[in-house]
Structure formats: structure tokens, C-alpha cells
Amino acid sequence: MRAVIQRVSRASVTIDGAIKSSIGPGLLVLLGVGNDDTAEDADKLARKTANLRIFNDDEGVMNRSVIESAGDVIVVSQFTLLACTKKGNRPSYINAARHELAVPMYELFCRKMSELIGKPVGMGVFGADMKIELVNDGPVTICMDTKAKDA
């Protein structure tokens, strides 16, 4: 499971001209589900994301999590995070999970995040053509992969 985590001042997901989800300060999480991802990956990544100390404390040091800062979270599915670009110029998505696995894993990750932060998590719509708007705060952008050795 791969994630691009951005600390934002605000973010929103729009589908067919209508806002589906929007948040103020918090995290925008772009989430890619791989063929070999499990519930353990979703749990591990949700815990790591919710507890990342990337929000400023009273001294201006990144020392607080989204939980401690009472921030909001939007999670957007993004299979392109699993792109393989080793050969040629056209990315291969063979490592991205098919709909049957990806949707339940995406929903599980969102439920875990909601439990951890103690409030609902904003979501996109799996497979929809979404327009994502954000104001990256910092900027702070963290990439995580549950299959990486340094995760």
C-alpha cells in the first residue's frame, strides 16, 4: 500500500462539479492499493499516518500528529501511485489491485483512519474522475509504502 500524505490548510474533492468532501487544516492522503496488500497493511499505514508528527507545536516545531492537532483527513484512492515506469514511457499498472480488492482495502483504510482520529474521514469515489484541490501547508509531503524496507 502506498500513500502520499500532504499537510494541508484546506483540501476538497469535486466530482461532476459537486464537492464530495472538503476539509480545513489536516491531511490529504492519496492512497494506492497493490495486488498483495492486506488488512495488516491498511492498519499499519493508517496508524503510521494518524501518528505522523508533522504538525507544529507551540514552539513551531513539527511535533504533533493530526490527532493531537485535531485536524481533518481526506483520503483519495489513486491507483496511479502503483505505476511501474521501468520500461518505455507508458506506465504499467499491473501492480495496482483490481477493483474487487482495492475498494474494500480503501474503505478499510478510511475506517481505520476515522477510528484513530475520532471523527469521519472525507473520501472520494473509487474510480471516479475527481478534481482534487489543496493548499499544501509548508509544504509538507511524505511518501510511505508498506512494502518498503524503511517503512
N, C-alpha and C. Protein backbone atom coordinates (compact mmCIF):
# COMPACT_ATOMS: atom_id res chain seq x y z
N MET A 1 0.86 -1.16 0.00
CA MET A 1 0.00 0.00 0.00
C MET A 1 0.91 1.23 0.00
N ARG A 2 0.60 2.15 -0.87
CA ARG A 2 1.39 3.37 -0.96
C ARG A 2 0.52 4.58 -0.67
N ALA A 3 1.15 5.57 -0.04
CA ALA A 3 0.43 6.80 0.26
C ALA A 3 1.32 8.01 0.05
N VAL A 4 0.72 9.06 -0.46
CA VAL A 4 1.33 10.38 -0.48
C VAL A 4 0.49 11.20 0.49
N ILE A 5 1.14 11.67 1.54
CA ILE A 5 0.46 12.36 2.63
C ILE A 5 0.87 13.82 2.60
N GLN A 6 -0.10 14.70 2.48
CA GLN A 6 0.19 16.12 2.41
C GLN A 6 -0.50 16.84 3.55
N ARG A 7 0.29 17.65 4.27
CA ARG A 7 -0.29 18.52 5.30
C ARG A 7 -0.90 19.70 4.56
N VAL A 8 -2.18 19.94 4.82
CA VAL A 8 -2.90 20.97 4.07
C VAL A 8 -3.56 21.99 4.99
N SER A 9 -3.73 23.19 4.46
CA SER A 9 -4.55 24.21 5.12
C SER A 9 -6.02 23.96 4.82
N ARG A 10 -6.24 23.44 3.60
CA ARG A 10 -7.58 23.02 3.18
C ARG A 10 -7.44 22.12 1.97
N ALA A 11 -8.47 21.29 1.76
CA ALA A 11 -8.49 20.41 0.60
C ALA A 11 -9.93 20.04 0.29
N SER A 12 -10.17 19.69 -0.97
CA SER A 12 -11.51 19.25 -1.36
C SER A 12 -11.44 18.29 -2.54
N VAL A 13 -12.50 17.49 -2.66
CA VAL A 13 -12.68 16.56 -3.76
C VAL A 13 -13.98 16.94 -4.46
N THR A 14 -13.89 17.18 -5.74
CA THR A 14 -15.06 17.55 -6.54
C THR A 14 -15.28 16.50 -7.62
N ILE A 15 -16.54 16.06 -7.78
CA ILE A 15 -16.90 15.09 -8.79
C ILE A 15 -18.10 15.64 -9.56
N ASP A 16 -17.97 15.70 -10.88
CA ASP A 16 -19.03 16.24 -11.74
C ASP A 16 -19.51 17.61 -11.28
N GLY A 17 -18.57 18.45 -10.87
CA GLY A 17 -18.89 19.82 -10.48
C GLY A 17 -19.43 20.00 -9.07
N ALA A 18 -19.63 18.90 -8.34
CA ALA A 18 -20.15 18.98 -6.97
C ALA A 18 -19.07 18.56 -5.97
N ILE A 19 -18.96 19.33 -4.90
CA ILE A 19 -17.98 18.99 -3.87
C ILE A 19 -18.46 17.76 -3.12
N LYS A 20 -17.63 16.72 -3.13
CA LYS A 20 -17.93 15.46 -2.43
C LYS A 20 -17.45 15.53 -0.99
N SER A 21 -16.23 16.06 -0.79
CA SER A 21 -15.64 16.17 0.55
C SER A 21 -14.77 17.41 0.59
N SER A 22 -14.72 18.03 1.77
CA SER A 22 -13.80 19.15 1.95
C SER A 22 -13.39 19.22 3.42
N ILE A 23 -12.17 19.70 3.63
CA ILE A 23 -11.65 19.83 4.99
C ILE A 23 -10.91 21.15 5.13
N GLY A 24 -10.70 21.54 6.37
CA GLY A 24 -9.81 22.63 6.71
C GLY A 24 -8.45 22.04 6.99
N PRO A 25 -7.73 22.55 7.99
CA PRO A 25 -6.39 22.05 8.28
C PRO A 25 -6.39 20.56 8.60
N GLY A 26 -5.42 19.86 8.02
CA GLY A 26 -5.31 18.42 8.26
C GLY A 26 -4.46 17.75 7.22
N LEU A 27 -4.88 16.56 6.80
CA LEU A 27 -4.12 15.75 5.86
C LEU A 27 -4.95 15.37 4.64
N LEU A 28 -4.32 15.47 3.48
CA LEU A 28 -4.85 14.87 2.26
C LEU A 28 -4.00 13.64 2.01
N VAL A 29 -4.63 12.47 1.96
CA VAL A 29 -3.92 11.22 1.74
C VAL A 29 -4.34 10.65 0.39
N LEU A 30 -3.37 10.52 -0.52
CA LEU A 30 -3.59 9.84 -1.79
C LEU A 30 -3.15 8.41 -1.56
N LEU A 31 -4.05 7.45 -1.79
CA LEU A 31 -3.81 6.06 -1.41
C LEU A 31 -3.86 5.13 -2.60
N GLY A 32 -2.80 4.34 -2.76
CA GLY A 32 -2.75 3.32 -3.80
C GLY A 32 -2.70 1.95 -3.17
N VAL A 33 -3.53 1.05 -3.66
CA VAL A 33 -3.61 -0.32 -3.14
C VAL A 33 -2.97 -1.26 -4.15
N GLY A 34 -2.05 -2.10 -3.65
CA GLY A 34 -1.37 -3.06 -4.51
C GLY A 34 -2.00 -4.43 -4.45
N ASN A 35 -1.64 -5.27 -5.42
CA ASN A 35 -2.18 -6.64 -5.52
C ASN A 35 -1.97 -7.46 -4.26
N ASP A 36 -0.87 -7.24 -3.57
CA ASP A 36 -0.53 -8.07 -2.42
C ASP A 36 -0.80 -7.39 -1.08
N ASP A 37 -1.58 -6.32 -1.08
CA ASP A 37 -1.88 -5.62 0.17
C ASP A 37 -2.93 -6.37 0.99
N THR A 38 -2.80 -6.25 2.29
CA THR A 38 -3.67 -6.96 3.24
C THR A 38 -4.26 -5.99 4.24
N ALA A 39 -5.16 -6.50 5.07
CA ALA A 39 -5.72 -5.69 6.16
C ALA A 39 -4.62 -5.21 7.10
N GLU A 40 -3.58 -6.02 7.26
CA GLU A 40 -2.44 -5.62 8.10
C GLU A 40 -1.75 -4.38 7.53
N ASP A 41 -1.62 -4.32 6.20
CA ASP A 41 -1.04 -3.14 5.56
C ASP A 41 -1.90 -1.91 5.81
N ALA A 42 -3.21 -2.05 5.67
CA ALA A 42 -4.13 -0.93 5.88
C ALA A 42 -4.03 -0.42 7.32
N ASP A 43 -4.00 -1.34 8.27
CA ASP A 43 -3.90 -0.97 9.68
C ASP A 43 -2.58 -0.27 9.97
N LYS A 44 -1.49 -0.85 9.49
CA LYS A 44 -0.15 -0.29 9.72
C LYS A 44 -0.04 1.12 9.14
N LEU A 45 -0.50 1.28 7.90
CA LEU A 45 -0.39 2.58 7.24
C LEU A 45 -1.31 3.62 7.89
N ALA A 46 -2.50 3.23 8.28
CA ALA A 46 -3.42 4.16 8.95
C ALA A 46 -2.81 4.63 10.27
N ARG A 47 -2.29 3.70 11.06
CA ARG A 47 -1.67 4.08 12.34
C ARG A 47 -0.47 5.01 12.15
N LYS A 48 0.36 4.67 11.19
CA LYS A 48 1.54 5.49 10.92
C LYS A 48 1.13 6.89 10.46
N THR A 49 0.15 6.95 9.58
CA THR A 49 -0.32 8.24 9.06
C THR A 49 -0.94 9.09 10.16
N ALA A 50 -1.82 8.51 10.95
CA ALA A 50 -2.51 9.25 12.02
C ALA A 50 -1.55 9.76 13.08
N ASN A 51 -0.43 9.08 13.24
CA ASN A 51 0.52 9.44 14.30
C ASN A 51 1.76 10.17 13.80
N LEU A 52 1.82 10.47 12.49
CA LEU A 52 2.96 11.22 11.96
C LEU A 52 3.04 12.58 12.63
N ARG A 53 4.17 12.90 13.17
CA ARG A 53 4.34 14.19 13.86
C ARG A 53 4.81 15.24 12.86
N ILE A 54 3.85 15.77 12.10
CA ILE A 54 4.18 16.75 11.06
C ILE A 54 3.40 18.06 11.21
N PHE A 55 2.77 18.24 12.37
CA PHE A 55 2.08 19.50 12.67
C PHE A 55 2.86 20.24 13.74
N ASN A 56 2.88 21.55 13.60
CA ASN A 56 3.68 22.37 14.52
C ASN A 56 3.11 22.39 15.94
N ASP A 57 4.03 22.37 16.91
CA ASP A 57 3.66 22.58 18.30
C ASP A 57 3.72 24.08 18.59
N ASP A 58 3.60 24.46 19.85
CA ASP A 58 3.61 25.88 20.23
C ASP A 58 4.94 26.57 19.95
N GLU A 59 5.99 25.77 19.79
CA GLU A 59 7.32 26.32 19.50
C GLU A 59 7.61 26.38 18.01
N GLY A 60 6.64 25.96 17.18
CA GLY A 60 6.83 25.97 15.74
C GLY A 60 7.61 24.77 15.22
N VAL A 61 7.73 23.74 16.04
CA VAL A 61 8.45 22.52 15.65
C VAL A 61 7.42 21.46 15.26
N MET A 62 7.70 20.72 14.17
CA MET A 62 6.79 19.65 13.76
C MET A 62 6.88 18.53 14.79
N ASN A 63 5.93 18.56 15.73
CA ASN A 63 5.98 17.66 16.87
C ASN A 63 4.60 17.10 17.24
N ARG A 64 3.57 17.43 16.44
CA ARG A 64 2.21 16.97 16.72
C ARG A 64 1.67 16.16 15.55
N SER A 65 0.81 15.22 15.89
CA SER A 65 0.13 14.42 14.86
C SER A 65 -1.18 15.10 14.48
N VAL A 66 -1.82 14.57 13.45
CA VAL A 66 -3.14 15.07 13.07
C VAL A 66 -4.13 14.85 14.21
N ILE A 67 -3.93 13.80 14.98
CA ILE A 67 -4.79 13.54 16.14
C ILE A 67 -4.62 14.64 17.17
N GLU A 68 -3.38 14.92 17.53
CA GLU A 68 -3.09 15.94 18.56
C GLU A 68 -3.48 17.34 18.11
N SER A 69 -3.43 17.60 16.80
CA SER A 69 -3.78 18.93 16.31
C SER A 69 -5.26 19.05 15.97
N ALA A 70 -6.03 17.96 16.19
CA ALA A 70 -7.46 17.92 15.90
C ALA A 70 -7.76 18.23 14.44
N GLY A 71 -6.85 17.82 13.56
CA GLY A 71 -7.01 18.07 12.13
C GLY A 71 -7.99 17.10 11.49
N ASP A 72 -8.36 17.42 10.26
CA ASP A 72 -9.25 16.58 9.46
C ASP A 72 -8.43 15.78 8.46
N VAL A 73 -9.07 14.80 7.84
CA VAL A 73 -8.40 13.95 6.86
C VAL A 73 -9.33 13.68 5.68
N ILE A 74 -8.79 13.77 4.48
CA ILE A 74 -9.45 13.30 3.26
C ILE A 74 -8.55 12.22 2.68
N VAL A 75 -9.16 11.10 2.28
CA VAL A 75 -8.43 10.01 1.64
C VAL A 75 -8.99 9.81 0.24
N VAL A 76 -8.10 9.84 -0.75
CA VAL A 76 -8.49 9.70 -2.14
C VAL A 76 -7.77 8.49 -2.73
N SER A 77 -8.53 7.58 -3.33
CA SER A 77 -7.91 6.42 -3.98
C SER A 77 -7.17 6.89 -5.24
N GLN A 78 -5.98 6.31 -5.44
CA GLN A 78 -5.20 6.71 -6.61
C GLN A 78 -4.32 5.56 -7.06
N PHE A 79 -4.85 4.75 -7.98
CA PHE A 79 -4.13 3.56 -8.44
C PHE A 79 -2.83 3.92 -9.15
N THR A 80 -2.71 5.14 -9.67
CA THR A 80 -1.50 5.53 -10.40
C THR A 80 -0.27 5.58 -9.49
N LEU A 81 -0.46 5.56 -8.18
CA LEU A 81 0.69 5.51 -7.27
C LEU A 81 1.44 4.19 -7.40
N LEU A 82 0.80 3.17 -7.98
CA LEU A 82 1.44 1.87 -8.16
C LEU A 82 2.05 1.73 -9.55
N ALA A 83 2.19 2.83 -10.27
CA ALA A 83 2.74 2.80 -11.64
C ALA A 83 4.16 2.26 -11.65
N CYS A 84 4.44 1.45 -12.65
CA CYS A 84 5.79 0.96 -12.90
C CYS A 84 6.26 1.66 -14.17
N THR A 85 7.41 2.33 -14.09
CA THR A 85 7.90 3.11 -15.22
C THR A 85 9.27 2.63 -15.71
N LYS A 86 9.61 1.38 -15.40
CA LYS A 86 10.94 0.85 -15.76
C LYS A 86 11.13 0.75 -17.27
N LYS A 87 10.11 0.35 -18.00
CA LYS A 87 10.24 0.14 -19.44
C LYS A 87 9.41 1.17 -20.20
N GLY A 88 10.02 1.78 -21.17
CA GLY A 88 9.29 2.70 -22.04
C GLY A 88 8.79 3.94 -21.33
N ASN A 89 7.86 4.60 -21.99
CA ASN A 89 7.31 5.86 -21.47
C ASN A 89 5.86 5.74 -21.04
N ARG A 90 5.27 4.58 -21.25
CA ARG A 90 3.89 4.38 -20.83
C ARG A 90 3.90 3.58 -19.53
N PRO A 91 3.40 4.16 -18.43
CA PRO A 91 3.40 3.44 -17.15
C PRO A 91 2.56 2.17 -17.20
N SER A 92 3.00 1.17 -16.49
CA SER A 92 2.23 -0.06 -16.33
C SER A 92 1.60 -0.05 -14.95
N TYR A 93 0.36 -0.48 -14.88
CA TYR A 93 -0.36 -0.51 -13.60
C TYR A 93 -0.64 -1.93 -13.16
N ILE A 94 0.18 -2.86 -13.62
CA ILE A 94 -0.03 -4.27 -13.32
C ILE A 94 0.05 -4.57 -11.82
N ASN A 95 0.76 -3.74 -11.06
CA ASN A 95 0.88 -3.94 -9.62
C ASN A 95 -0.28 -3.36 -8.82
N ALA A 96 -1.12 -2.58 -9.46
CA ALA A 96 -2.27 -1.98 -8.78
C ALA A 96 -3.37 -3.03 -8.62
N ALA A 97 -3.97 -3.06 -7.45
CA ALA A 97 -5.04 -4.02 -7.18
C ALA A 97 -6.26 -3.74 -8.05
N ARG A 98 -6.91 -4.81 -8.44
CA ARG A 98 -8.16 -4.69 -9.18
C ARG A 98 -9.26 -4.21 -8.23
N HIS A 99 -10.32 -3.73 -8.81
CA HIS A 99 -11.46 -3.16 -8.09
C HIS A 99 -11.91 -4.04 -6.92
N GLU A 100 -11.98 -5.36 -7.14
CA GLU A 100 -12.51 -6.29 -6.13
C GLU A 100 -11.71 -6.26 -4.83
N LEU A 101 -10.40 -6.03 -4.91
CA LEU A 101 -9.55 -5.93 -3.72
C LEU A 101 -9.36 -4.48 -3.29
N ALA A 102 -9.17 -3.60 -4.26
CA ALA A 102 -8.83 -2.21 -3.96
C ALA A 102 -9.93 -1.48 -3.20
N VAL A 103 -11.18 -1.66 -3.59
CA VAL A 103 -12.28 -0.94 -2.92
C VAL A 103 -12.39 -1.33 -1.45
N PRO A 104 -12.44 -2.63 -1.10
CA PRO A 104 -12.52 -2.98 0.32
C PRO A 104 -11.30 -2.51 1.12
N MET A 105 -10.11 -2.53 0.52
CA MET A 105 -8.91 -2.09 1.22
C MET A 105 -8.93 -0.58 1.44
N TYR A 106 -9.38 0.17 0.43
CA TYR A 106 -9.53 1.62 0.54
C TYR A 106 -10.53 1.96 1.65
N GLU A 107 -11.66 1.29 1.64
CA GLU A 107 -12.69 1.54 2.66
C GLU A 107 -12.20 1.15 4.05
N LEU A 108 -11.45 0.06 4.16
CA LEU A 108 -10.88 -0.35 5.44
C LEU A 108 -9.91 0.70 5.95
N PHE A 109 -9.02 1.19 5.09
CA PHE A 109 -8.08 2.23 5.48
C PHE A 109 -8.83 3.46 6.00
N CYS A 110 -9.88 3.86 5.29
CA CYS A 110 -10.67 5.03 5.71
C CYS A 110 -11.33 4.81 7.07
N ARG A 111 -11.88 3.62 7.28
CA ARG A 111 -12.50 3.30 8.59
C ARG A 111 -11.47 3.36 9.71
N LYS A 112 -10.29 2.80 9.46
CA LYS A 112 -9.22 2.81 10.47
C LYS A 112 -8.80 4.24 10.78
N MET A 113 -8.64 5.07 9.74
CA MET A 113 -8.27 6.47 9.97
C MET A 113 -9.33 7.18 10.77
N SER A 114 -10.59 6.95 10.46
CA SER A 114 -11.69 7.57 11.18
C SER A 114 -11.67 7.18 12.66
N GLU A 115 -11.46 5.90 12.92
CA GLU A 115 -11.36 5.43 14.31
C GLU A 115 -10.21 6.10 15.03
N LEU A 116 -9.06 6.21 14.38
CA LEU A 116 -7.87 6.77 15.00
C LEU A 116 -8.00 8.25 15.30
N ILE A 117 -8.60 9.01 14.37
CA ILE A 117 -8.70 10.46 14.59
C ILE A 117 -9.97 10.84 15.33
N GLY A 118 -10.89 9.89 15.49
CA GLY A 118 -12.10 10.14 16.27
C GLY A 118 -13.15 10.98 15.57
N LYS A 119 -13.15 10.97 14.26
CA LYS A 119 -14.17 11.70 13.50
C LYS A 119 -14.21 11.16 12.08
N PRO A 120 -15.26 11.49 11.34
CA PRO A 120 -15.37 10.98 9.97
C PRO A 120 -14.21 11.47 9.09
N VAL A 121 -13.86 10.64 8.13
CA VAL A 121 -12.82 10.95 7.16
C VAL A 121 -13.50 11.27 5.84
N GLY A 122 -13.08 12.35 5.20
CA GLY A 122 -13.60 12.68 3.88
C GLY A 122 -13.07 11.68 2.87
N MET A 123 -13.88 11.38 1.87
CA MET A 123 -13.49 10.39 0.87
C MET A 123 -13.83 10.89 -0.52
N GLY A 124 -13.14 10.31 -1.49
CA GLY A 124 -13.51 10.48 -2.88
C GLY A 124 -14.44 9.34 -3.25
N VAL A 125 -14.57 9.08 -4.53
CA VAL A 125 -15.35 7.94 -5.03
C VAL A 125 -14.42 7.09 -5.87
N PHE A 126 -14.25 5.85 -5.48
CA PHE A 126 -13.32 4.97 -6.17
C PHE A 126 -13.67 4.89 -7.65
N GLY A 127 -12.67 5.14 -8.49
CA GLY A 127 -12.85 5.04 -9.94
C GLY A 127 -13.46 6.26 -10.61
N ALA A 128 -13.88 7.24 -9.83
CA ALA A 128 -14.49 8.44 -10.41
C ALA A 128 -13.42 9.39 -10.95
N ASP A 129 -13.82 10.25 -11.86
CA ASP A 129 -12.95 11.32 -12.33
C ASP A 129 -13.08 12.45 -11.32
N MET A 130 -12.07 12.56 -10.47
CA MET A 130 -12.12 13.52 -9.36
C MET A 130 -11.20 14.70 -9.62
N LYS A 131 -11.61 15.84 -9.14
CA LYS A 131 -10.78 17.04 -9.16
C LYS A 131 -10.40 17.31 -7.70
N ILE A 132 -9.10 17.31 -7.43
CA ILE A 132 -8.60 17.50 -6.08
C ILE A 132 -7.99 18.89 -5.99
N GLU A 133 -8.45 19.65 -5.02
CA GLU A 133 -7.85 20.97 -4.76
C GLU A 133 -7.27 20.94 -3.37
N LEU A 134 -6.08 21.55 -3.23
CA LEU A 134 -5.46 21.60 -1.91
C LEU A 134 -4.55 22.80 -1.81
N VAL A 135 -4.37 23.22 -0.59
CA VAL A 135 -3.33 24.19 -0.26
C VAL A 135 -2.38 23.44 0.65
N ASN A 136 -1.21 23.08 0.08
CA ASN A 136 -0.22 22.34 0.83
C ASN A 136 0.41 23.28 1.83
N ASP A 137 0.39 22.91 3.09
CA ASP A 137 0.87 23.74 4.19
C ASP A 137 2.32 23.38 4.50
N GLY A 138 3.22 24.28 4.19
CA GLY A 138 4.63 24.06 4.50
C GLY A 138 5.54 24.40 3.32
N PRO A 139 5.58 23.65 2.29
CA PRO A 139 4.85 22.41 2.04
C PRO A 139 5.44 21.24 2.83
N VAL A 140 4.54 20.35 3.23
CA VAL A 140 4.94 19.10 3.88
C VAL A 140 4.28 17.97 3.12
N THR A 141 5.10 17.11 2.52
CA THR A 141 4.62 15.96 1.76
C THR A 141 5.48 14.76 2.14
N ILE A 142 4.83 13.69 2.57
CA ILE A 142 5.51 12.46 3.00
C ILE A 142 4.99 11.32 2.12
N CYS A 143 5.91 10.49 1.65
CA CYS A 143 5.53 9.28 0.89
C CYS A 143 5.82 8.06 1.75
N MET A 144 4.86 7.13 1.77
CA MET A 144 5.05 5.90 2.53
C MET A 144 4.61 4.71 1.68
N ASP A 145 5.29 3.59 1.90
CA ASP A 145 4.98 2.34 1.21
C ASP A 145 5.14 1.21 2.22
N THR A 146 4.08 0.47 2.46
CA THR A 146 4.15 -0.59 3.47
C THR A 146 5.07 -1.72 3.05
N LYS A 147 5.42 -1.79 1.79
CA LYS A 147 6.33 -2.84 1.31
C LYS A 147 7.79 -2.40 1.32
N ALA A 148 8.05 -1.10 1.54
CA ALA A 148 9.43 -0.60 1.56
C ALA A 148 10.14 -1.06 2.83
N LYS A 149 11.39 -1.32 2.72
CA LYS A 149 12.16 -1.81 3.86
C LYS A 149 12.33 -0.76 4.95
N ASP A 150 12.24 0.51 4.60
CA ASP A 150 12.41 1.57 5.60
C ASP A 150 11.08 2.11 6.12
N ALA A 151 9.97 1.42 5.85
CA ALA A 151 8.64 1.92 6.24
C ALA A 151 8.42 1.83 7.73
